Protein backbone atom coordinates (compact mmCIF):
# COMPACT_ATOMS: atom_id res chain seq x y z
CA MET A 1 -0.11 -0.32 0.10
CA LYS A 2 1.33 3.31 -1.25
CA ARG A 3 1.76 5.92 1.28
CA THR A 4 0.18 9.71 0.72
CA THR A 5 2.57 12.63 0.40
CA GLY A 6 1.21 13.67 4.27
CA GLU A 7 2.45 10.08 5.76
CA LYS A 8 5.80 10.32 3.70
CA MET A 9 6.23 13.76 5.44
CA GLN A 10 4.92 12.56 8.99
CA PHE A 11 7.65 9.85 8.54
CA LEU A 12 10.14 12.45 7.81
CA ILE A 13 9.21 14.58 10.59
CA THR A 14 9.31 12.09 13.13
CA THR A 15 12.44 10.38 11.80
CA THR A 16 14.37 13.83 11.63
CA ALA A 17 12.84 14.62 15.53
CA ALA A 18 13.97 10.68 16.97
CA ALA A 19 17.39 11.66 14.86
CA MET A 20 17.58 15.26 17.15
CA GLY A 21 16.68 13.86 20.23
CA ILE A 22 19.25 11.20 19.69
CA PHE A 23 22.05 13.36 18.66
CA HIS A 24 21.58 15.22 21.95
CA VAL A 25 21.15 13.03 24.28
CA TYR A 26 24.00 11.13 22.84
CA THR A 27 26.43 14.78 22.86
CA ALA A 28 24.96 15.67 26.68
CA PHE A 29 26.20 12.69 27.90
CA PHE A 30 29.42 11.98 26.00
CA GLY A 31 30.26 15.51 25.79
CA VAL A 32 29.06 18.51 22.96
CA LEU A 33 31.19 18.71 19.75
CA THR A 34 32.92 22.08 18.57
CA ALA A 35 30.83 25.31 19.41
CA PHE A 36 30.39 25.90 16.01
CA TRP A 37 29.28 22.56 14.84
CA GLN A 38 27.04 21.36 17.65
CA ARG A 39 25.15 24.64 17.59
CA SER A 40 24.71 24.53 13.57
CA ILE A 41 23.46 20.84 13.96
CA HIS A 42 20.77 22.07 16.35
CA LEU A 43 20.05 24.99 14.24
CA THR A 44 19.47 23.06 11.31
CA PHE A 45 17.47 20.23 12.68
CA GLY A 46 15.02 23.23 13.98
CA LEU A 47 14.95 24.80 10.55
CA LEU A 48 14.37 21.20 8.66
CA LEU A 49 11.22 20.55 11.06
CA CYS A 50 9.97 24.01 10.93
CA TYR A 51 9.93 23.55 6.67
CA PHE A 52 9.07 19.89 7.14
CA GLY A 53 5.83 20.84 8.96
CA VAL A 54 5.16 23.67 6.31
CA ILE A 55 5.31 21.11 3.64
CA MET A 56 2.78 18.87 5.21
CA CYS A 57 0.53 21.39 6.73
CA SER A 58 0.43 24.45 3.91
CA ARG A 59 -1.99 24.59 1.36
CA SER A 60 -0.20 26.86 -0.70
CA LYS A 61 2.05 25.44 -3.44
CA ARG A 62 3.79 28.23 -3.53
CA GLU A 63 4.77 27.73 0.38
CA ARG A 64 5.46 24.13 0.01
CA ILE A 65 7.71 25.06 -3.01
CA PHE A 66 9.98 27.59 -1.04
CA SER A 67 9.95 25.02 2.19
CA VAL A 68 11.51 22.38 0.03
CA PHE A 69 14.00 24.88 -1.04
CA ALA A 70 14.77 26.18 2.29
CA ALA A 71 15.13 22.82 3.62
CA GLY A 72 17.75 21.79 1.28
CA ALA A 73 19.55 25.43 1.88
CA ALA A 74 19.59 24.63 5.22
CA LEU A 75 21.41 21.37 4.57
CA LEU A 76 24.00 23.09 2.27
CA CYS A 77 24.60 25.24 4.79
CA LEU A 78 25.54 22.83 7.33
CA GLY A 79 27.25 20.62 4.86
CA HIS A 80 29.62 24.35 4.35
CA PHE A 81 30.59 24.39 7.51
CA ILE A 82 30.90 20.88 8.52
CA VAL A 83 33.09 20.58 5.44
CA ASN A 84 34.78 23.62 5.43
CA PHE A 85 35.05 24.34 8.93
CA GLN A 86 39.26 24.19 9.12
CA GLU A 87 39.48 26.71 6.15
CA MET A 88 37.26 28.96 7.84
CA ILE A 89 39.24 29.00 10.92
CA LEU A 90 41.89 29.72 8.92
CA ARG A 91 40.32 32.56 6.90
CA PHE A 92 39.42 34.21 10.54
CA GLY A 93 37.84 37.73 9.79
CA GLU A 94 38.35 37.43 5.82
CA PRO A 95 35.49 34.73 4.49
CA ASP A 96 35.61 34.01 0.83
CA THR A 97 32.57 34.24 -1.61
CA ALA A 98 30.85 30.95 -0.50
CA ASP A 99 31.35 31.84 2.89
CA LEU A 100 29.35 35.11 2.74
CA VAL A 101 26.68 33.27 0.42
CA THR A 102 26.14 30.78 3.11
CA GLY A 103 26.09 33.39 5.66
CA THR A 104 23.40 35.26 4.15
CA LEU A 105 21.48 32.11 3.51
CA ILE A 106 21.54 31.20 7.34
CA ILE A 107 20.64 34.92 8.20
CA LEU A 108 17.23 34.86 5.75
CA LEU A 109 16.68 31.21 7.07
CA VAL A 110 16.80 32.25 10.52
CA LEU A 111 14.04 35.56 10.23
CA ASP A 112 11.97 33.47 8.38
CA PHE A 113 12.15 30.76 10.84
CA ALA A 114 11.55 32.95 13.75
CA ARG A 115 8.34 34.47 11.89
CA ARG A 116 7.03 31.07 11.72
CA SER A 117 7.75 29.93 15.10
CA VAL A 118 7.79 33.35 16.94
CA GLY A 119 5.81 35.52 15.15
CA ASN A 120 6.71 38.83 13.25
CA ILE A 121 7.86 40.89 16.50
CA LEU A 122 11.29 39.13 16.95
CA PRO A 123 12.43 39.31 13.33
CA GLY A 124 11.34 42.82 12.79
CA ILE A 125 13.54 44.10 15.52
CA ALA A 126 16.03 41.60 13.99
CA ILE A 127 15.70 43.15 10.70
CA VAL A 128 15.68 47.11 12.66
CA PHE A 129 18.85 46.19 14.10
CA LEU A 130 20.57 45.06 10.88
CA LEU A 131 19.64 48.23 9.13
CA TYR A 132 21.34 50.11 11.83
CA ALA A 133 24.63 48.41 11.49
CA VAL A 134 24.78 49.06 7.86
CA SER A 135 22.97 53.13 8.67
CA GLY A 136 24.80 54.17 11.44
CA PRO A 137 27.36 56.60 10.28
CA TYR A 138 23.89 58.51 8.89
CA LEU A 139 22.19 58.58 12.44
CA PRO A 140 22.34 61.72 14.69
CA GLY A 141 23.58 61.53 18.53
CA ILE A 142 24.27 58.26 20.57
CA LEU A 143 22.95 56.21 17.46
CA TRP A 144 25.57 57.23 15.27
CA HIS A 145 28.42 54.55 14.87
CA ARG A 146 30.90 54.56 12.49
CA GLY A 147 29.27 52.19 10.10
CA TYR A 148 30.37 48.62 8.62
CA ASP A 149 30.64 46.97 5.32
CA VAL A 150 28.24 43.98 4.72
CA THR A 151 31.30 41.52 4.78
CA ARG A 152 31.93 41.92 8.70
CA ILE A 153 28.36 42.45 9.35
CA ILE A 154 27.76 39.00 7.58
CA TYR A 155 30.80 37.57 9.25
CA GLN A 156 29.77 38.77 12.86
CA ILE A 157 26.24 37.31 12.67
CA SER A 158 26.68 34.60 11.05
CA LEU A 159 30.11 33.34 10.29
CA SER A 160 31.30 33.68 14.11
CA THR A 161 30.20 32.49 17.54
CA GLU A 162 29.38 36.26 18.44
CA GLY A 163 25.72 35.80 16.39
CA ILE A 164 23.42 33.46 15.78
CA PHE A 165 25.81 30.95 16.52
CA GLY A 166 26.45 32.58 19.98
CA ILE A 167 26.05 31.52 23.80
CA PRO A 168 22.14 31.90 23.24
CA LEU A 169 21.85 28.89 20.54
CA GLY A 170 25.08 27.31 22.22
CA VAL A 171 22.74 26.97 25.66
CA SER A 172 19.77 25.77 23.69
CA ALA A 173 21.77 23.22 21.95
CA SER A 174 23.59 22.05 24.97
CA TYR A 175 21.30 22.56 27.90
CA VAL A 176 17.69 23.41 27.02
CA PHE A 177 16.78 20.90 24.22
CA ILE A 178 17.53 18.13 26.93
CA PHE A 179 15.42 19.35 29.76
CA VAL A 180 12.49 19.90 27.17
CA LEU A 181 12.94 16.60 25.99
CA PHE A 182 12.60 15.41 29.40
CA GLY A 183 9.69 17.48 29.98
CA ALA A 184 8.01 15.72 26.90
CA PHE A 185 8.98 12.37 28.49
CA LEU A 186 7.43 13.24 31.65
CA GLU A 187 4.39 14.13 30.09
CA ILE A 188 4.09 10.69 27.97
CA THR A 189 4.47 8.81 31.04
CA GLY A 190 1.58 10.66 32.64
CA ALA A 191 3.52 12.35 35.30
CA GLY A 192 2.37 15.74 34.40
CA GLN A 193 -1.53 14.57 35.28
CA PHE A 194 -0.39 13.17 38.33
CA TYR A 195 0.92 16.38 39.04
CA ILE A 196 -2.17 18.08 38.84
CA ASP A 197 -4.20 14.72 40.48
CA PHE A 198 -1.79 15.13 43.70
CA ALA A 199 -2.29 19.03 43.71
CA VAL A 200 -6.14 18.59 43.81
CA LYS A 201 -6.18 15.67 46.14
CA ALA A 202 -4.19 17.49 48.50
CA VAL A 203 -5.62 21.00 48.77
CA GLY A 204 -8.75 20.21 46.89
CA ARG A 205 -11.17 19.82 49.55
CA SER A 206 -10.22 23.02 51.50
CA ALA A 207 -11.40 26.34 51.33
CA GLY A 208 -10.95 27.41 47.90
CA GLY A 209 -9.21 24.23 47.09
CA PRO A 210 -9.26 24.19 43.29
CA ALA A 211 -7.60 27.73 43.25
CA LYS A 212 -5.05 26.26 45.60
CA ALA A 213 -4.75 23.28 43.24
CA ALA A 214 -4.16 25.37 40.48
CA VAL A 215 -1.52 27.05 42.33
CA VAL A 216 0.91 23.80 43.37
CA ALA A 217 -0.15 22.07 40.28
CA SER A 218 1.29 25.07 38.14
CA SER A 219 4.50 25.27 40.29
CA LEU A 220 5.13 21.55 39.81
CA PHE A 221 4.13 21.59 36.08
CA GLY A 222 5.42 25.15 35.03
CA SER A 223 9.36 24.18 36.62
CA VAL A 224 9.39 21.42 34.20
CA SER A 225 7.60 23.09 31.07
CA GLY A 226 9.13 26.60 31.43
CA SER A 227 6.70 27.90 29.41
CA ALA A 228 3.89 29.99 31.05
CA VAL A 229 1.10 29.59 27.65
CA ALA A 230 2.36 25.64 27.87
CA ASN A 231 1.29 25.38 31.62
CA VAL A 232 -1.85 27.67 31.27
CA ALA A 233 -2.85 24.68 28.62
CA GLY A 234 -1.74 21.85 30.39
CA THR A 235 -3.25 22.34 34.28
CA GLY A 236 -5.62 25.37 33.02
CA SER A 237 -8.29 22.79 31.51
CA VAL A 238 -8.71 21.12 34.60
CA THR A 239 -8.39 23.69 37.59
CA ILE A 240 -10.20 26.41 35.83
CA PRO A 241 -13.78 24.94 35.24
CA LEU A 242 -13.25 23.23 39.05
CA MET A 243 -12.69 26.74 40.15
CA ARG A 244 -15.77 28.15 38.74
CA SER A 245 -17.77 25.54 40.16
CA ILE A 246 -17.41 26.23 43.42
CA GLY A 247 -18.25 29.66 43.37
CA TYR A 248 -14.87 31.95 41.85
CA ARG A 249 -16.16 34.27 38.47
CA PRO A 250 -14.19 33.22 35.44
CA GLU A 251 -11.89 36.47 35.59
CA PHE A 252 -10.53 35.46 38.81
CA ALA A 253 -9.94 31.86 38.37
CA ALA A 254 -8.47 32.88 34.58
CA ALA A 255 -6.07 35.34 36.63
CA VAL A 256 -4.91 32.58 39.54
CA GLU A 257 -4.10 30.23 36.61
CA ALA A 258 -2.12 32.79 34.51
CA VAL A 259 -0.13 33.94 37.45
CA ALA A 260 0.55 30.84 39.00
CA SER A 261 1.36 29.03 35.57
CA THR A 262 4.09 32.68 34.74
CA GLY A 263 5.48 31.64 38.32
CA GLY A 264 6.58 28.08 37.03
CA GLN A 265 9.01 30.17 34.93
CA ILE A 266 10.82 31.41 37.96
CA MET A 267 10.08 27.97 39.84
CA PRO A 268 13.05 25.90 40.53
CA PRO A 269 14.43 23.18 39.90
CA LEU A 270 14.10 23.60 35.89
CA MET A 271 12.50 27.13 35.34
CA GLY A 272 12.29 28.63 31.96
CA ALA A 273 15.13 28.48 28.97
CA ALA A 274 16.49 32.05 29.90
CA ALA A 275 17.66 30.57 33.40
CA PHE A 276 20.41 28.02 31.35
CA ILE A 277 21.47 31.04 29.57
CA MET A 278 21.88 33.44 32.44
CA ALA A 279 23.91 30.61 33.74
CA GLU A 280 26.22 30.57 31.02
CA ILE A 281 26.58 34.19 30.70
CA LEU A 282 27.12 34.83 34.21
CA GLY A 283 29.84 31.66 34.22
CA ILE A 284 28.10 30.31 36.93
CA PRO A 285 26.78 26.61 37.67
CA TYR A 286 23.34 26.07 37.16
CA TYR A 287 22.52 25.48 40.35
CA LYS A 288 23.53 28.47 41.58
CA VAL A 289 20.87 29.88 39.25
CA ALA A 290 18.36 27.94 40.71
CA VAL A 291 19.22 28.23 43.86
CA GLY A 292 19.33 32.05 43.93
CA ALA A 293 15.51 31.68 42.17
CA LEU A 294 14.16 29.45 45.21
CA ILE A 295 13.39 32.05 47.76
CA PRO A 296 11.97 34.69 45.61
CA ALA A 297 9.58 32.01 43.70
CA LEU A 298 8.49 30.97 47.17
CA ILE A 299 7.47 34.24 48.39
CA PHE A 300 5.66 34.50 44.97
CA TYR A 301 3.51 31.85 45.26
CA GLY A 302 3.16 31.91 49.33
CA THR A 303 1.56 35.23 48.18
CA VAL A 304 -0.60 33.75 45.72
CA PHE A 305 -1.54 30.80 47.56
CA THR A 306 -2.49 33.26 50.29
CA MET A 307 -4.24 35.22 48.42
CA VAL A 308 -6.82 32.87 47.01
CA HIS A 309 -7.56 31.18 50.48
CA CYS A 310 -8.13 34.75 51.75
CA ARG A 311 -10.45 35.66 49.39
CA ALA A 312 -12.37 31.73 49.55
CA LYS A 313 -12.78 32.90 53.00
CA VAL A 314 -14.04 36.16 52.12
CA LEU A 315 -16.57 34.71 49.93
CA ASN A 316 -17.51 31.62 52.30
CA LEU A 317 -16.26 29.32 49.05
CA THR A 318 -15.88 25.59 49.92
CA GLY A 319 -13.41 23.19 48.39
CA ALA A 320 -14.51 20.96 45.21
CA GLU A 321 -14.98 16.88 45.73
CA SER A 322 -12.23 14.79 44.46
CA GLY A 323 -14.06 11.56 44.84
CA SER A 324 -12.87 10.71 41.20
CA LEU A 325 -9.48 9.92 42.58
CA PRO A 326 -8.38 7.42 44.79
CA PRO A 327 -7.70 8.40 48.55
CA MET A 328 -3.96 10.43 48.84
CA LYS A 329 -2.04 6.92 50.33
CA THR A 330 -3.38 5.30 47.54
CA LEU A 331 -2.41 7.70 44.85
CA LEU A 332 0.97 8.08 46.35
CA ARG A 333 1.59 4.60 46.55
CA GLU A 334 0.40 3.70 42.92
CA ASN A 335 1.61 6.90 41.31
CA GLY A 336 4.31 8.72 43.43
CA VAL A 337 6.72 7.23 41.65
CA PHE A 338 6.38 9.41 39.12
CA PHE A 339 8.36 12.14 41.49
CA VAL A 340 11.61 9.91 41.28
CA PRO A 341 13.07 11.59 38.02
CA LEU A 342 12.66 15.32 39.88
CA LEU A 343 14.29 14.08 42.67
CA VAL A 344 16.91 12.22 40.46
CA LEU A 345 17.57 15.78 38.69
CA ILE A 346 17.79 17.56 41.99
CA TYR A 347 20.52 15.09 43.21
CA PHE A 348 22.45 14.95 40.55
CA MET A 349 22.76 18.52 39.93
CA ILE A 350 22.44 19.93 43.24
CA ILE A 351 23.85 17.14 45.50
CA ALA A 352 26.06 15.32 43.61
CA GLN A 353 26.84 18.46 41.20
CA TYR A 354 27.28 16.52 38.30
CA SER A 355 26.95 18.99 34.80
CA VAL A 356 23.75 19.87 34.00
CA MET A 357 23.79 17.89 30.70
CA LYS A 358 24.76 14.82 32.39
CA ALA A 359 22.42 15.32 35.26
CA ALA A 360 19.40 15.74 32.88
CA VAL A 361 20.42 12.44 30.99
CA TYR A 362 20.07 10.56 34.09
CA SER A 363 16.86 12.00 34.85
CA LEU A 364 15.45 11.16 31.30
CA LEU A 365 16.65 7.65 31.92
CA ALA A 366 14.79 7.84 35.02
CA THR A 367 11.72 8.86 33.19
CA VAL A 368 12.10 6.43 30.83
CA LEU A 369 12.67 3.26 33.42
CA VAL A 370 9.40 4.71 35.51
CA GLY A 371 7.39 4.84 32.36
CA PHE A 372 8.16 1.28 31.45
CA PHE A 373 7.22 0.02 34.84
CA LYS A 374 3.94 2.01 35.25
CA ARG A 375 2.64 1.73 31.46
CA ARG A 376 4.87 -0.49 29.59
CA MET A 377 5.85 2.23 27.64
CA GLY A 378 7.73 0.90 24.09
CA LEU A 379 9.32 2.14 21.22
CA ARG A 380 6.22 4.05 20.25
CA ASP A 381 5.97 6.02 23.14
CA ILE A 382 9.56 7.14 22.89
CA ILE A 383 9.76 8.32 19.47
CA SER A 384 6.57 10.44 20.35
CA ALA A 385 8.37 11.82 23.28
CA PHE A 386 11.16 12.73 20.76
CA GLU A 387 8.51 13.94 18.46
CA CYS A 388 6.75 16.20 20.87
CA GLY A 389 10.26 17.59 22.44
CA ALA A 390 11.37 18.64 19.30
CA ARG A 391 8.12 20.46 18.20
CA VAL A 392 8.60 22.34 21.67
CA SER A 393 11.97 23.18 21.12
CA LEU A 394 11.18 25.22 17.99
CA VAL A 395 10.37 28.28 19.79
CA VAL A 396 13.34 28.26 21.91
CA ILE A 397 15.87 27.58 18.77
CA ALA A 398 14.08 30.09 16.45
CA SER A 399 14.03 32.67 19.35
CA THR A 400 17.77 32.14 20.50
CA ALA A 401 19.10 32.17 16.82
CA CYS A 402 17.10 35.19 16.01
CA ALA A 403 18.04 37.12 19.47
CA GLY A 404 21.73 36.35 18.12
CA ILE A 405 21.33 39.08 15.47
CA ILE A 406 20.28 41.48 17.72
CA VAL A 407 23.14 40.33 20.23
CA ALA A 408 25.53 40.70 17.28
CA VAL A 409 24.52 43.88 16.41
CA LEU A 410 24.66 45.39 19.64
CA ASN A 411 28.38 44.03 20.57
CA LEU A 412 29.38 45.44 16.93
CA THR A 413 28.22 48.77 17.09
CA GLY A 414 28.37 49.24 20.88
CA LEU A 415 24.76 50.14 21.06
CA GLY A 416 24.71 48.35 24.10
CA MET A 417 27.61 50.44 26.37
CA LYS A 418 25.94 53.39 24.64
CA PHE A 419 22.25 52.57 26.26
CA SER A 420 24.04 51.75 29.79
CA SER A 421 25.37 55.34 29.74
CA LEU A 422 21.98 57.00 28.73
CA VAL A 423 20.21 55.22 30.98
CA LEU A 424 22.73 56.38 34.05
CA ALA A 425 22.62 59.79 32.84
CA VAL A 426 18.96 59.78 32.89
CA GLY A 427 19.03 58.13 36.14
CA GLY A 428 22.03 59.94 37.54
CA ASN A 429 23.06 58.61 40.65
CA SER A 430 19.42 56.95 41.68
CA LEU A 431 19.80 53.21 41.79
CA PHE A 432 15.66 53.20 42.20
CA LEU A 433 15.09 55.38 39.02
CA VAL A 434 17.33 52.95 37.13
CA LEU A 435 15.94 50.10 38.13
CA PHE A 436 12.41 51.62 37.18
CA MET A 437 13.50 52.41 33.62
CA ILE A 438 14.86 48.95 33.20
CA MET A 439 12.07 47.72 34.49
CA CYS A 440 9.93 49.26 31.85
CA ALA A 441 12.04 48.48 29.42
CA SER A 442 11.70 44.88 30.18
CA LEU A 443 7.94 44.66 30.53
CA LEU A 444 7.52 46.54 27.18
CA LEU A 445 10.04 43.90 25.25
CA GLY A 446 8.79 41.26 26.94
CA MET A 447 5.01 42.16 25.81
CA GLY A 448 6.13 41.25 21.82
CA LEU A 449 8.59 38.74 22.35
CA PRO A 450 8.64 35.15 24.31
CA THR A 451 10.65 35.57 27.88
CA THR A 452 13.98 34.09 26.24
CA PRO A 453 14.96 36.61 23.79
CA ALA A 454 13.29 39.32 26.03
CA TYR A 455 15.72 38.70 28.50
CA LEU A 456 19.04 38.05 26.09
CA ILE A 457 18.40 41.51 24.53
CA LEU A 458 17.97 42.97 28.32
CA ALA A 459 21.01 40.71 29.59
CA VAL A 460 23.04 42.71 27.18
CA LEU A 461 21.52 46.13 27.34
CA GLY A 462 19.88 46.50 30.99
CA ALA A 463 21.69 44.22 33.73
CA PRO A 464 25.40 45.51 32.79
CA THR A 465 23.99 48.84 33.67
CA LEU A 466 22.62 47.31 37.25
CA VAL A 467 26.14 46.09 37.52
CA ARG A 468 28.13 49.18 36.56
CA LEU A 469 26.13 50.67 39.84
CA GLY A 470 27.52 48.11 42.04
CA VAL A 471 24.38 45.76 42.03
CA GLU A 472 25.44 41.81 42.27
CA PRO A 473 25.59 39.86 38.79
CA LEU A 474 23.09 37.38 40.01
CA ALA A 475 20.58 39.92 41.41
CA ALA A 476 20.83 42.08 38.12
CA HIS A 477 20.31 39.53 35.48
CA MET A 478 17.37 37.92 37.77
CA PHE A 479 16.00 41.46 37.78
CA VAL A 480 15.39 41.58 34.25
CA PHE A 481 14.50 37.91 34.01
CA TYR A 482 11.77 38.28 36.43
CA PHE A 483 10.59 41.49 34.55
CA GLY A 484 10.89 39.60 31.28
CA CYS A 485 8.54 36.70 32.92
CA MET A 486 5.85 39.09 33.87
CA SER A 487 5.24 40.35 30.89
CA MET A 488 2.97 37.07 30.39
CA ILE A 489 0.39 38.94 32.19
CA THR A 490 0.85 42.56 31.75
CA PRO A 491 -1.41 43.83 29.38
CA PRO A 492 -1.88 45.07 26.51
CA VAL A 493 -0.36 41.55 25.17
CA GLY A 494 -0.28 39.21 28.10
CA LEU A 495 -0.04 35.87 26.24
CA ALA A 496 -0.90 33.72 29.52
CA VAL A 497 -3.82 35.80 30.47
CA TYR A 498 -5.17 35.60 27.26
CA ALA A 499 -4.90 31.53 27.28
CA ALA A 500 -6.45 31.87 30.64
CA SER A 501 -9.09 33.95 29.90
CA CYS A 502 -9.88 31.63 26.51
CA ILE A 503 -9.89 28.57 28.79
CA ALA A 504 -12.27 30.24 31.59
CA CYS A 505 -14.77 32.16 28.98
CA ALA A 506 -13.59 35.67 30.82
CA ASP A 507 -13.07 39.15 29.92
CA PHE A 508 -9.33 39.79 28.94
CA TRP A 509 -9.32 42.84 30.46
CA LYS A 510 -10.62 42.13 33.96
CA THR A 511 -8.67 39.06 33.77
CA SER A 512 -5.54 41.24 33.23
CA LYS A 513 -6.32 43.51 36.50
CA GLN A 514 -7.06 40.56 38.52
CA SER A 515 -3.84 39.03 37.43
CA LEU A 516 -1.94 42.15 38.24
CA ILE A 517 -3.02 42.26 41.80
CA LEU A 518 -2.00 38.47 42.33
CA ALA A 519 1.30 38.99 41.27
CA LEU A 520 2.13 42.37 42.95
CA PRO A 521 4.65 40.44 44.81
CA ALA A 522 6.34 39.54 41.84
CA PHE A 523 7.02 43.57 41.02
CA VAL A 524 8.40 44.15 44.33
CA VAL A 525 10.36 41.23 45.14
CA PRO A 526 13.24 42.16 42.57
CA TYR A 527 13.44 45.56 43.88
CA MET A 528 14.26 44.04 47.42
CA PHE A 529 17.10 41.31 46.24
CA VAL A 530 18.93 43.46 44.33
CA PHE A 531 19.30 46.14 47.57
CA HIS A 532 19.52 43.14 49.51
CA PRO A 533 21.30 39.43 47.51
CA SER A 534 20.45 37.65 50.37
CA LEU A 535 16.89 37.24 48.78
CA VAL A 536 18.80 35.49 45.93
CA GLY A 537 21.15 33.33 48.14
CA LEU A 538 24.05 35.62 48.44
CA GLY A 539 25.90 35.67 51.22
CA ASP A 540 26.55 33.45 54.52
CA THR A 541 23.93 30.64 54.97
CA LEU A 542 22.29 32.23 58.22
CA SER A 543 21.82 35.61 56.65
CA VAL A 544 19.94 33.34 53.31
CA ILE A 545 17.93 31.13 56.09
CA SER A 546 16.96 34.38 57.76
CA ALA A 547 15.83 35.85 54.57
CA GLY A 548 13.60 33.10 53.23
CA GLY A 549 11.89 32.70 56.58
CA SER A 550 11.15 36.33 57.10
CA GLY A 551 10.25 36.43 53.55
CA LEU A 552 7.85 33.22 53.26
CA LEU A 553 6.10 34.97 56.64
CA GLY A 554 6.06 38.51 55.00
CA ALA A 555 4.13 36.36 51.79
CA VAL A 556 1.72 35.19 53.91
CA ILE A 557 0.85 38.87 55.91
CA LEU A 558 1.22 40.78 52.32
CA GLY A 559 -1.68 38.14 50.94
CA SER A 560 -3.42 38.63 53.50
CA GLY A 561 -3.68 42.48 53.11
CA LEU A 562 -4.13 42.73 49.78
CA SER A 563 -6.88 40.38 49.83
CA GLY A 564 -8.40 42.20 52.91
CA TYR A 565 -8.62 38.84 55.12
CA TYR A 566 -6.56 38.58 58.46
CA PHE A 567 -8.12 36.29 60.71
CA GLY A 568 -11.59 37.53 59.49
CA PRO A 569 -12.27 40.52 57.28
CA ALA A 570 -9.90 43.23 57.27
CA GLY A 571 -10.50 46.83 56.70
CA LEU A 572 -9.02 49.44 54.63
CA VAL A 573 -6.56 50.61 57.43
CA GLU A 574 -5.61 46.87 58.54
CA ARG A 575 -5.12 46.21 54.71
CA ALA A 576 -3.10 48.84 54.36
CA LEU A 577 -1.10 48.11 57.72
CA LEU A 578 -0.96 44.68 56.77
CA CYS A 579 0.68 45.10 53.30
CA ALA A 580 3.55 47.51 55.02
CA ALA A 581 4.15 44.61 57.77
CA GLY A 582 4.40 41.89 54.60
CA ILE A 583 6.76 44.30 52.75
CA LEU A 584 8.69 45.02 55.94
CA LEU A 585 9.51 41.12 56.49
CA ILE A 586 9.97 40.31 52.87
CA LEU A 587 12.76 43.00 53.43
CA PRO A 588 15.83 41.19 55.11
CA GLY A 589 17.57 42.88 58.19
CA GLN A 590 16.37 42.59 61.77
CA PRO A 591 15.20 46.01 62.43
CA SER A 592 12.23 45.90 59.29
CA ASN A 593 11.61 42.37 60.33
CA ALA A 594 10.73 43.13 63.59
CA ALA A 595 8.71 46.13 62.88
CA GLY A 596 6.58 43.98 60.40
CA ILE A 597 6.09 41.33 63.06
CA CYS A 598 4.99 44.05 65.55
CA ILE A 599 2.69 45.26 63.32
CA ALA A 600 1.27 42.31 62.27
CA GLY A 601 1.00 41.10 65.94
CA ILE A 602 -0.49 44.21 66.93
CA ILE A 603 -3.25 43.78 64.24
CA TRP A 604 -3.84 40.17 65.24
CA LEU A 605 -4.28 41.06 68.90
CA VAL A 606 -6.51 44.19 68.38
CA ARG A 607 -8.81 41.30 66.10
CA ARG A 608 -8.73 38.98 68.97
CA LYS A 609 -9.82 41.67 71.19
CA ARG A 610 -12.77 42.59 69.28
CA LYS A 611 -13.88 38.80 68.99
CA SER A 612 -13.64 38.59 72.83
CA ASP A 613 -15.51 41.50 73.59
């Protein structure tokens, strides 16, 4: 029986995805290839999968023909890089005609790849930067530069490791893909559904239980997926209807899911792709980034959890029945093994301190073993997981490759240093004003870009400015990373809010308003860890533990103040005082912590006296 064209293309996609997965697992365990080879092979796999998908799905004959030639061009470019690699090194800075043709093709392919995978905004920004690299001598003021010929620009962007094949794509090729694959295997084995069931069973029957389950499930699922929108789609389809069924308004239910899912990007152990890039830029082990993100993430989720609890108390909402699920003991006995891959990851990455890639491979193997014993996962399931992981990775590959164009131009023209000087000139010696300006830039960039490219641009533009003002490098990069993540719930774009409001059939703008209230700590905490780096794990152990404990207590009190419930409904003055107390507790330091405890304690005593009277 002959296969149809669609079946042939599907077979080609599946084969390419499986080859891509095997290549990355092999290099993660046995060692990556030379940087240029590893990254060019990684990008070629992404380009092939993108264009194979267009050939299979597009109804336009012109699109299909273009995609055939584009896929062929990608393979030719890869062949050139592999065959002529030594000669390219010897021609350092002086590419020949074949090099320039190959470099130009790569730039065009990456722009089109990003357009198809991410949307028009990121490649549009990249094109503006390309024009800026050429037109520098004709621009006024701070934008002026001496200009560069086309050969130098092409070499910088696509024939060196300073642009498309730079650190961002290198992180995607070395670290991110293997973790995306890990997440795909967890989904195939049913671990993702177990995390949701575990959350519903653990807190679902308490006051406002479905909302709490959304928070817990999204933190578990999101720390693995690293994508706010994917997190909303994965957990929101279960938790949002449950929240609505017990009386939460659609807008609030959608906001809880959107905010909790966005927090998954800042929740260890995996976080988002940008966290791996941060570790590479800073030159520190990834586990230090994960440890640094832990306290702020717990404060974030602690506040959100408290707020949904308090909202349930104010509205007198009950929990949801979870009778369809087995008792907790049975659930853990039957499916608790799904926690093993995460524990394996934490052990090898943080305790044994293996390389991130090897830790990921061991976790992946643990997932396969769990899948085999739990559901007899076979070769078909493994291939399906490879294909799922490859498809999900396309956004990251396209984003990092296209962002490499922007980074290359920033470094070539010196615009990054000029931006830093401009911000310092406007902000003067006021660190707070500079932080505010960079926060606005982060949110603005993040509105149209995924978190990874948004962070990349600000890591080059904004973070160095903060470091020049004396901010700890990890805190500076975490600051721009946080606000890049928060753009997922910031109107007018707010992709996570949009996804959640669609599931809840809720109004987008009302949902955005609720999301901003729920996520308020995420807009406050970054300022605090800039001024007090102990919140990101920097400093002696005692100060870090103290900052974490007081921060969690502050998160609970801040959540109570924002939602208007503190051992009973709270008035406007009490709410304001509770918010102040919560912030004082989150802010490290004995005087501020003592003041926060005193304020919260006095309000509690007053309320208790009123009840006794």
